[in-house]
């Protein structure tokens, strides 16, 4: 067996995906928490040049992130060509709930996702999900995942890249070059974080620039960081990073739009959280790793350089609709257009959660929509059997 090391942090969803993939395929590995072990963090950085997790080392080969195709090539196994009643794309609150409801209706079900928990896993604290006064995103989605794993649901750790109709079935292709077929689909692929759109961003990706503070935040303990954004996610990140980092610069383009409860907590962090408003990020500074950012005052155009080791982008999210573009109707925001019962314009394809045109982007709404979508898929499958 190859020697496998996984460098990770405790709250990183993509780290969990790597480990789950290895465990599913019976691969033994050594898990190293670089958030708790500074020497291990330095070792990881020296091996990979990365200030982000996960990093997996397989017999000396360094694999950055959850690289499904490479891991499948190294350790994956072929799955027989079963036709599923339902394939759910995505494993966030909507996708996991759809899977549970489909399984309870005795539908043969597969969930395909490159991560379990979706955006919810990146939340430091959730205070508006019924039954919990406060719960971390990781803890809540772990509960969702446990329920799914106790049911007869195939969970495939991969990303759907294409959907097409073929011989009366839906043909699903994945990033890991796998093909699956189903009679119906629920699209619950959620959203992804927007990039800063600043020159050099790709060069510093994983070398100081991140969109997942719960994943990479522990690597910046005692360092100086910046958080970009003015909504709830940005303010919560600034608050939580204020407990980890030496100093935090919150870069706000216009006004802070966070809920009052978070603004009150932000005021309590005045000693090490500095607000720059109204400013945008004009440039990223450094050679091989990020050494600072240049910010620009929105009205005057005046610029200022800030020495920071990391910058976390919290400037919103865009829907993950590339796999179904040209298959189902999208609105002008690239969201999947659905009716009140999660129907798309294509019979047999349903959609739920933050990827859709439903206005409310909340975990509790996504879960409810996932349940609705699965029930509608069941009704569709029954209609196919009708004489």
Protein backbone atom coordinates (compact mmCIF):
# COMPACT_ATOMS: atom_id res chain seq x y z
CA UNK A 1 0.00 0.00 0.00
CA UNK A 2 1.24 3.53 -0.73
CA UNK A 3 2.16 5.83 2.12
CA UNK A 4 -0.48 8.57 2.34
CA UNK A 5 -0.47 11.74 4.44
CA UNK A 6 -3.36 14.21 4.59
CA UNK A 7 -2.59 17.70 5.89
CA UNK A 8 -5.84 19.29 7.06
CA UNK A 9 -7.60 21.51 9.57
CA UNK A 10 -10.45 20.53 11.87
CA UNK A 11 -13.23 22.47 10.13
CA UNK A 12 -12.22 22.07 6.48
CA UNK A 13 -14.99 20.41 4.40
CA UNK A 14 -12.64 19.59 1.51
CA UNK A 15 -10.27 17.89 3.94
CA UNK A 16 -13.16 15.73 5.08
CA UNK A 17 -13.88 14.85 1.45
CA UNK A 18 -10.33 13.63 0.88
CA UNK A 19 -10.47 11.51 4.02
CA UNK A 20 -13.93 10.15 3.19
CA UNK A 21 -12.73 9.21 -0.30
CA UNK A 22 -9.71 7.37 1.08
CA UNK A 23 -11.78 5.58 3.72
CA UNK A 24 -14.41 4.59 1.16
CA UNK A 25 -11.71 2.98 -0.97
CA UNK A 26 -9.96 1.28 1.96
CA UNK A 27 -6.82 3.43 1.83
CA UNK A 28 -4.95 3.88 5.11
CA UNK A 29 -3.62 7.40 5.71
CA UNK A 30 -1.95 9.56 8.32
CA UNK A 31 -4.01 12.63 9.25
CA UNK A 32 -2.08 15.74 10.29
CA UNK A 33 -3.91 18.76 11.75
CA UNK A 34 -1.89 21.76 10.62
CA UNK A 35 -4.23 24.10 12.49
CA UNK A 36 -3.07 22.61 15.79
CA UNK A 37 0.54 21.77 14.88
CA UNK A 38 2.60 24.75 13.67
CA UNK A 39 5.60 22.57 12.81
CA UNK A 40 3.37 20.39 10.62
CA UNK A 41 1.99 23.51 8.96
CA UNK A 42 5.51 24.63 8.07
CA UNK A 43 6.24 21.14 6.74
CA UNK A 44 3.12 21.27 4.53
CA UNK A 45 4.02 24.72 3.20
CA UNK A 46 7.55 23.60 2.41
CA UNK A 47 6.30 20.50 0.57
CA UNK A 48 3.52 22.16 -1.41
CA UNK A 49 4.00 25.93 -1.32
CA UNK A 50 0.38 26.09 -0.13
CA UNK A 51 -1.12 28.10 2.72
CA UNK A 52 -4.41 26.30 2.19
CA UNK A 53 -5.71 22.82 2.94
CA UNK A 54 -6.11 20.00 2.13
CA UNK A 55 -2.75 18.80 0.87
CA UNK A 56 -2.35 15.06 0.31
CA UNK A 57 1.00 13.37 -0.20
CA UNK A 58 0.97 9.93 -1.83
CA UNK A 59 4.41 8.32 -1.95
CA UNK A 60 5.96 11.73 -2.44
CA UNK A 61 3.38 13.02 -4.95
CA UNK A 62 1.74 16.23 -3.71
CA UNK A 63 -1.99 16.61 -4.45
CA UNK A 64 -3.49 20.00 -3.66
CA UNK A 65 -7.17 20.30 -2.75
CA UNK A 66 -9.80 17.61 -3.30
CA UNK A 67 -8.60 16.50 -6.73
CA UNK A 68 -11.28 13.91 -7.53
CA UNK A 69 -9.87 12.80 -10.91
CA UNK A 70 -6.36 12.16 -9.56
CA UNK A 71 -7.61 10.40 -6.42
CA UNK A 72 -9.95 8.27 -8.54
CA UNK A 73 -7.07 7.42 -10.85
CA UNK A 74 -4.94 6.35 -7.89
CA UNK A 75 -7.49 4.62 -5.68
CA UNK A 76 -10.95 4.55 -7.30
CA UNK A 77 -12.91 1.49 -8.34
CA UNK A 78 -15.38 0.95 -11.17
CA UNK A 79 -19.12 1.03 -10.37
CA UNK A 80 -21.48 -1.20 -12.37
CA UNK A 81 -23.82 0.58 -14.81
CA UNK A 82 -26.91 0.76 -12.61
CA UNK A 83 -29.80 3.02 -13.63
CA UNK A 84 -30.98 5.03 -10.64
CA UNK A 85 -34.47 6.28 -10.02
CA UNK A 86 -32.98 9.57 -8.88
CA UNK A 87 -29.59 11.20 -8.94
CA UNK A 88 -29.13 14.21 -6.69
CA UNK A 89 -26.43 16.66 -7.74
CA UNK A 90 -25.01 18.31 -4.64
CA UNK A 91 -24.80 17.41 -0.96
CA UNK A 92 -25.62 20.60 0.87
CA UNK A 93 -28.79 21.03 2.95
CA UNK A 94 -31.04 20.74 -0.13
CA UNK A 95 -29.27 17.77 -1.69
CA UNK A 96 -28.94 15.74 1.50
CA UNK A 97 -32.57 16.33 2.43
CA UNK A 98 -33.67 15.33 -1.08
CA UNK A 99 -31.67 12.12 -0.67
CA UNK A 100 -33.33 11.30 2.65
CA UNK A 101 -36.85 11.86 1.29
CA UNK A 102 -36.11 9.87 -1.86
CA UNK A 103 -34.75 6.95 0.14
CA UNK A 104 -37.80 6.96 2.40
CA UNK A 105 -39.92 6.61 -0.75
CA UNK A 106 -37.79 3.56 -1.68
CA UNK A 107 -36.27 5.21 -4.74
CA UNK A 108 -32.84 3.93 -5.78
CA UNK A 109 -30.82 7.08 -5.13
CA UNK A 110 -27.33 8.40 -5.73
CA UNK A 111 -25.93 11.70 -4.47
CA UNK A 112 -22.99 13.10 -6.43
CA UNK A 113 -21.01 15.92 -4.85
CA UNK A 114 -17.40 16.99 -4.43
CA UNK A 115 -18.17 18.11 -0.88
CA UNK A 116 -20.67 17.20 1.80
CA UNK A 117 -22.38 20.11 3.49
CA UNK A 118 -21.98 22.75 0.79
CA UNK A 119 -21.68 26.39 1.81
CA UNK A 120 -23.14 25.58 5.21
CA UNK A 121 -19.89 23.82 6.16
CA UNK A 122 -18.07 27.15 5.86
CA UNK A 123 -20.26 28.84 8.49
CA UNK A 124 -18.60 29.61 11.82
CA UNK A 125 -21.97 29.83 13.57
CA UNK A 126 -25.62 29.27 12.60
CA UNK A 127 -28.22 30.83 14.87
CA UNK A 128 -31.40 30.63 12.81
CA UNK A 129 -31.90 26.89 12.24
CA UNK A 130 -34.81 25.57 14.26
CA UNK A 131 -33.91 23.23 17.12
CA UNK A 132 -30.51 24.85 17.74
CA UNK A 133 -29.83 28.08 19.60
CA UNK A 134 -26.41 28.09 17.95
CA UNK A 135 -24.60 25.41 15.96
CA UNK A 136 -21.53 25.47 13.76
CA UNK A 137 -22.00 24.70 10.10
CA UNK A 138 -19.77 21.65 10.48
CA UNK A 139 -21.81 20.22 13.37
CA UNK A 140 -25.15 20.78 11.65
CA UNK A 141 -24.08 19.25 8.36
CA UNK A 142 -22.43 16.33 10.16
CA UNK A 143 -25.90 15.54 11.54
CA UNK A 144 -27.32 15.71 8.01
CA UNK A 145 -24.55 13.46 6.70
CA UNK A 146 -25.00 10.88 9.48
CA UNK A 147 -28.67 10.53 8.59
CA UNK A 148 -27.87 10.05 4.91
CA UNK A 149 -25.18 7.45 5.60
CA UNK A 150 -27.67 5.40 7.63
CA UNK A 151 -29.88 5.00 4.55
CA UNK A 152 -29.53 3.04 1.32
CA UNK A 153 -28.06 5.93 -0.67
CA UNK A 154 -24.98 5.76 -2.90
CA UNK A 155 -22.74 8.74 -2.21
CA UNK A 156 -20.24 9.54 -4.97
CA UNK A 157 -17.49 12.06 -4.20
CA UNK A 158 -17.16 13.78 -7.55
CA UNK A 159 -18.50 16.79 -9.46
CA UNK A 160 -21.06 16.63 -12.26
CA UNK A 161 -19.79 18.33 -15.40
CA UNK A 162 -22.55 17.50 -17.87
CA UNK A 163 -26.17 16.35 -18.17
CA UNK A 164 -27.93 15.15 -21.31
CA UNK A 165 -30.97 13.07 -22.28
CA UNK A 166 -30.12 9.76 -23.94
CA UNK A 167 -32.47 6.85 -24.73
CA UNK A 168 -35.13 8.16 -22.33
CA UNK A 169 -32.68 8.49 -19.43
CA UNK A 170 -30.53 11.27 -18.07
CA UNK A 171 -26.82 10.70 -18.65
CA UNK A 172 -24.59 12.35 -16.05
CA UNK A 173 -20.85 12.76 -16.64
CA UNK A 174 -18.41 13.79 -13.91
CA UNK A 175 -15.09 15.53 -13.43
CA UNK A 176 -13.63 12.15 -12.51
CA UNK A 177 -14.62 10.87 -16.00
CA UNK A 178 -17.41 8.65 -14.68
CA UNK A 179 -20.83 8.16 -16.30
CA UNK A 180 -24.08 7.51 -14.42
CA UNK A 181 -27.68 7.21 -15.61
CA UNK A 182 -30.95 8.08 -13.93
CA UNK A 183 -34.67 8.41 -14.61
CA UNK A 184 -34.84 11.76 -12.78
CA UNK A 185 -32.55 14.41 -11.35
CA UNK A 186 -32.56 16.92 -8.52
CA UNK A 187 -30.05 19.73 -9.05
CA UNK A 188 -28.94 21.06 -5.65
CA UNK A 189 -25.44 22.23 -6.47
CA UNK A 190 -25.60 25.43 -4.43
CA UNK A 191 -23.27 28.36 -5.00
CA UNK A 192 -19.55 29.13 -4.99
CA UNK A 193 -17.67 32.09 -3.56
CA UNK A 194 -16.85 34.95 -5.86
CA UNK A 195 -13.23 35.78 -6.52
CA UNK A 196 -11.81 39.22 -5.88
CA UNK A 197 -11.16 39.80 -9.57
CA UNK A 198 -7.78 41.41 -8.87
CA UNK A 199 -4.72 40.85 -11.04
CA UNK A 200 -2.46 38.14 -9.63
CA UNK A 201 -5.25 36.42 -7.71
CA UNK A 202 -4.60 33.02 -9.29
CA UNK A 203 -0.88 33.32 -8.49
CA UNK A 204 -1.61 33.83 -4.79
CA UNK A 205 -4.45 31.29 -4.60
CA UNK A 206 -3.59 28.99 -1.71
CA UNK A 207 -0.58 31.19 -1.00
CA UNK A 208 -2.41 33.80 1.06
CA UNK A 209 -5.69 34.24 -0.83
CA UNK A 210 -8.64 32.11 0.33
CA UNK A 211 -12.43 31.99 0.27
CA UNK A 212 -12.72 29.51 3.15
CA UNK A 213 -11.78 30.98 6.49
CA UNK A 214 -13.03 27.94 8.40
CA UNK A 215 -10.61 25.81 6.32
CA UNK A 216 -7.54 28.02 6.19
CA UNK A 217 -8.05 30.42 9.10
CA UNK A 218 -6.09 28.34 11.65
CA UNK A 219 -2.98 28.65 9.45
CA UNK A 220 -2.94 32.41 10.12
CA UNK A 221 -2.79 32.22 13.91
CA UNK A 222 -0.93 35.25 15.22
CA UNK A 223 -0.62 36.80 11.76
CA UNK A 224 -2.20 39.83 10.03
CA UNK A 225 -5.10 39.24 7.66
CA UNK A 226 -7.72 41.08 5.64
CA UNK A 227 -11.36 40.19 5.08
CA UNK A 228 -13.12 41.66 2.04
CA UNK A 229 -16.88 42.20 2.11
CA UNK A 230 -19.68 43.86 4.02
CA UNK A 231 -22.37 41.23 4.52
CA UNK A 232 -23.01 38.70 7.28
CA UNK A 233 -20.33 36.28 6.03
CA UNK A 234 -17.64 38.96 5.95
CA UNK A 235 -18.48 40.33 9.38
CA UNK A 236 -18.65 36.87 10.96
CA UNK A 237 -15.31 35.99 9.37
CA UNK A 238 -13.77 39.21 10.70
CA UNK A 239 -15.08 38.42 14.19
CA UNK A 240 -13.82 34.82 14.17
CA UNK A 241 -10.47 35.69 12.60
CA UNK A 242 -10.14 38.41 15.24
CA UNK A 243 -9.91 35.58 17.78
CA UNK A 244 -7.15 33.83 15.80
CA UNK A 245 -5.10 36.45 13.98
CA UNK A 246 -2.99 39.24 15.44
CA UNK A 247 -4.95 41.86 13.49
CA UNK A 248 -7.81 41.94 10.98
CA UNK A 249 -8.53 44.57 8.32
CA UNK A 250 -12.17 44.53 7.16
CA UNK A 251 -12.35 46.03 3.65
CA UNK A 252 -15.88 47.26 2.87
CA UNK A 253 -16.75 48.62 -0.58
CA UNK A 254 -19.80 50.66 0.48
CA UNK A 255 -21.83 49.97 3.61
CA UNK A 256 -21.86 47.10 6.09
CA UNK A 257 -25.07 45.13 5.52
CA UNK A 258 -24.74 42.58 8.33
CA UNK A 259 -27.49 41.83 10.84
CA UNK A 260 -27.49 44.01 13.99
CA UNK A 261 -26.52 41.07 16.23
CA UNK A 262 -23.26 40.66 14.28
CA UNK A 263 -22.58 44.39 14.22
CA UNK A 264 -22.78 44.43 18.02
CA UNK A 265 -20.20 41.65 18.20
CA UNK A 266 -18.00 43.44 15.68
CA UNK A 267 -17.89 46.49 17.93
CA UNK A 268 -16.53 44.29 20.70
CA UNK A 269 -13.57 43.42 18.43
CA UNK A 270 -12.42 47.03 17.91
CA UNK A 271 -9.01 46.35 19.48
CA UNK A 272 -7.82 44.12 16.65
CA UNK A 273 -10.38 44.60 13.82
CA UNK A 274 -9.94 47.77 11.75
CA UNK A 275 -12.69 48.74 9.29
CA UNK A 276 -11.70 50.40 5.99
CA UNK A 277 -14.80 51.93 4.40
CA UNK A 278 -15.50 52.65 1.53
CA UNK A 279 -12.50 50.84 0.04
CA UNK A 280 -11.84 48.19 -2.60
CA UNK A 281 -8.83 45.93 -3.12
CA UNK A 282 -6.75 47.40 -5.94
CA UNK A 283 -3.77 45.03 -5.94
CA UNK A 284 -2.22 41.99 -4.30
CA UNK A 285 1.39 42.41 -3.21
CA UNK A 286 4.19 39.90 -2.84
CA UNK A 287 6.46 37.53 -4.73
CA UNK A 288 5.87 33.81 -4.17
CA UNK A 289 3.38 34.31 -1.30
CA UNK A 290 1.07 37.17 -0.39
CA UNK A 291 2.79 39.94 1.54
CA UNK A 292 0.12 42.63 1.45
CA UNK A 293 -2.74 44.31 -0.37
CA UNK A 294 -3.26 47.75 -1.86
CA UNK A 295 -6.64 49.27 -1.07
CA UNK A 296 -8.27 52.19 -2.89
CA UNK A 297 -10.67 54.73 -1.40
CA UNK A 298 -13.82 54.56 -3.48
CA UNK A 299 -14.48 58.31 -3.82
CA UNK A 300 -11.06 59.98 -3.79
CA UNK A 301 -9.06 57.18 -5.42
CA UNK A 302 -6.39 57.47 -2.71
CA UNK A 303 -4.45 54.25 -2.18
CA UNK A 304 -2.88 52.64 0.86
CA UNK A 305 -0.76 49.51 1.28
CA UNK A 306 -1.53 47.09 4.11
CA UNK A 307 0.94 44.41 5.17
CA UNK A 308 -1.08 41.20 5.54
CA UNK A 309 -0.26 37.50 5.35
CA UNK A 310 -3.70 36.43 4.17
CA UNK A 311 -6.86 37.79 2.59
CA UNK A 312 -10.29 36.14 2.77
CA UNK A 313 -12.83 37.03 0.06
CA UNK A 314 -16.38 37.22 1.40
CA UNK A 315 -18.01 39.20 -1.40
CA UNK A 316 -20.93 36.96 -2.26
CA UNK A 317 -21.65 33.79 -4.20
CA UNK A 318 -22.63 32.72 -7.72
CA UNK A 319 -24.77 29.67 -8.60
CA UNK A 320 -23.13 26.42 -9.70
CA UNK A 321 -25.05 25.92 -12.94
CA UNK A 322 -22.32 25.11 -15.48
CA UNK A 323 -23.27 21.42 -15.64
CA UNK A 324 -26.86 22.18 -16.65
CA UNK A 325 -26.30 25.30 -18.75
CA UNK A 326 -28.16 24.81 -22.02
CA UNK A 327 -30.20 21.98 -20.47
CA UNK A 328 -32.59 23.87 -18.17
CA UNK A 329 -33.73 27.48 -18.22
CA UNK A 330 -31.66 29.99 -16.23
CA UNK A 331 -32.53 33.54 -15.23
CA UNK A 332 -30.36 36.63 -15.72
CA UNK A 333 -28.46 35.75 -12.52
CA UNK A 334 -27.61 32.26 -13.83
CA UNK A 335 -29.98 30.66 -11.31
CA UNK A 336 -32.16 27.71 -12.32
CA UNK A 337 -35.72 28.88 -12.90
CA UNK A 338 -38.17 26.78 -10.87
CA UNK A 339 -41.84 27.00 -9.98
CA UNK A 340 -43.24 26.70 -6.46
CA UNK A 341 -42.88 22.91 -6.65
CA UNK A 342 -39.21 22.85 -7.72
CA UNK A 343 -40.02 22.01 -11.36
CA UNK A 344 -37.59 23.19 -14.04
CA UNK A 345 -38.69 23.56 -17.66
CA UNK A 346 -37.50 19.98 -18.35
CA UNK A 347 -39.74 17.11 -17.17
CA UNK A 348 -37.82 14.87 -14.80
CA UNK A 349 -35.32 17.54 -13.73
CA UNK A 350 -36.00 19.35 -10.46
CA UNK A 351 -33.90 21.89 -8.58
CA UNK A 352 -33.66 23.02 -4.98
CA UNK A 353 -31.67 25.27 -2.70
CA UNK A 354 -29.46 28.25 -3.39
CA UNK A 355 -28.85 27.28 -7.03
CA UNK A 356 -32.46 28.17 -7.88
CA UNK A 357 -34.45 31.35 -8.48
CA UNK A 358 -36.18 31.01 -5.09
CA UNK A 359 -35.40 34.29 -3.34
CA UNK A 360 -34.58 33.13 0.19
CA UNK A 361 -31.04 31.79 0.49
CA UNK A 362 -31.21 30.14 3.90
CA UNK A 363 -30.31 26.67 5.13
CA UNK A 364 -33.79 25.98 6.45
CA UNK A 365 -35.38 27.03 3.14
CA UNK A 366 -32.92 24.91 1.14
CA UNK A 367 -33.71 21.84 3.24
CA UNK A 368 -37.44 22.32 2.73
CA UNK A 369 -37.01 22.79 -1.01
CA UNK A 370 -34.93 19.62 -1.17
CA UNK A 371 -37.77 17.65 0.42
CA UNK A 372 -40.24 19.12 -2.06
CA UNK A 373 -38.03 18.31 -5.03
CA UNK A 374 -37.65 14.65 -4.01
CA UNK A 375 -41.40 14.26 -3.57
CA UNK A 376 -42.01 15.80 -6.99
CA UNK A 377 -39.45 13.44 -8.52
CA UNK A 378 -41.30 10.49 -6.98
CA UNK A 379 -44.58 11.73 -8.46
CA UNK A 380 -42.91 12.03 -11.87
CA UNK A 381 -41.55 8.48 -11.64
CA UNK A 382 -45.04 7.16 -10.74
CA UNK A 383 -46.45 8.95 -13.77
CA UNK A 384 -44.01 7.06 -16.00
CA UNK A 385 -45.47 3.80 -14.73
CA UNK A 386 -49.09 4.82 -15.27
CA UNK A 387 -50.92 2.92 -18.08
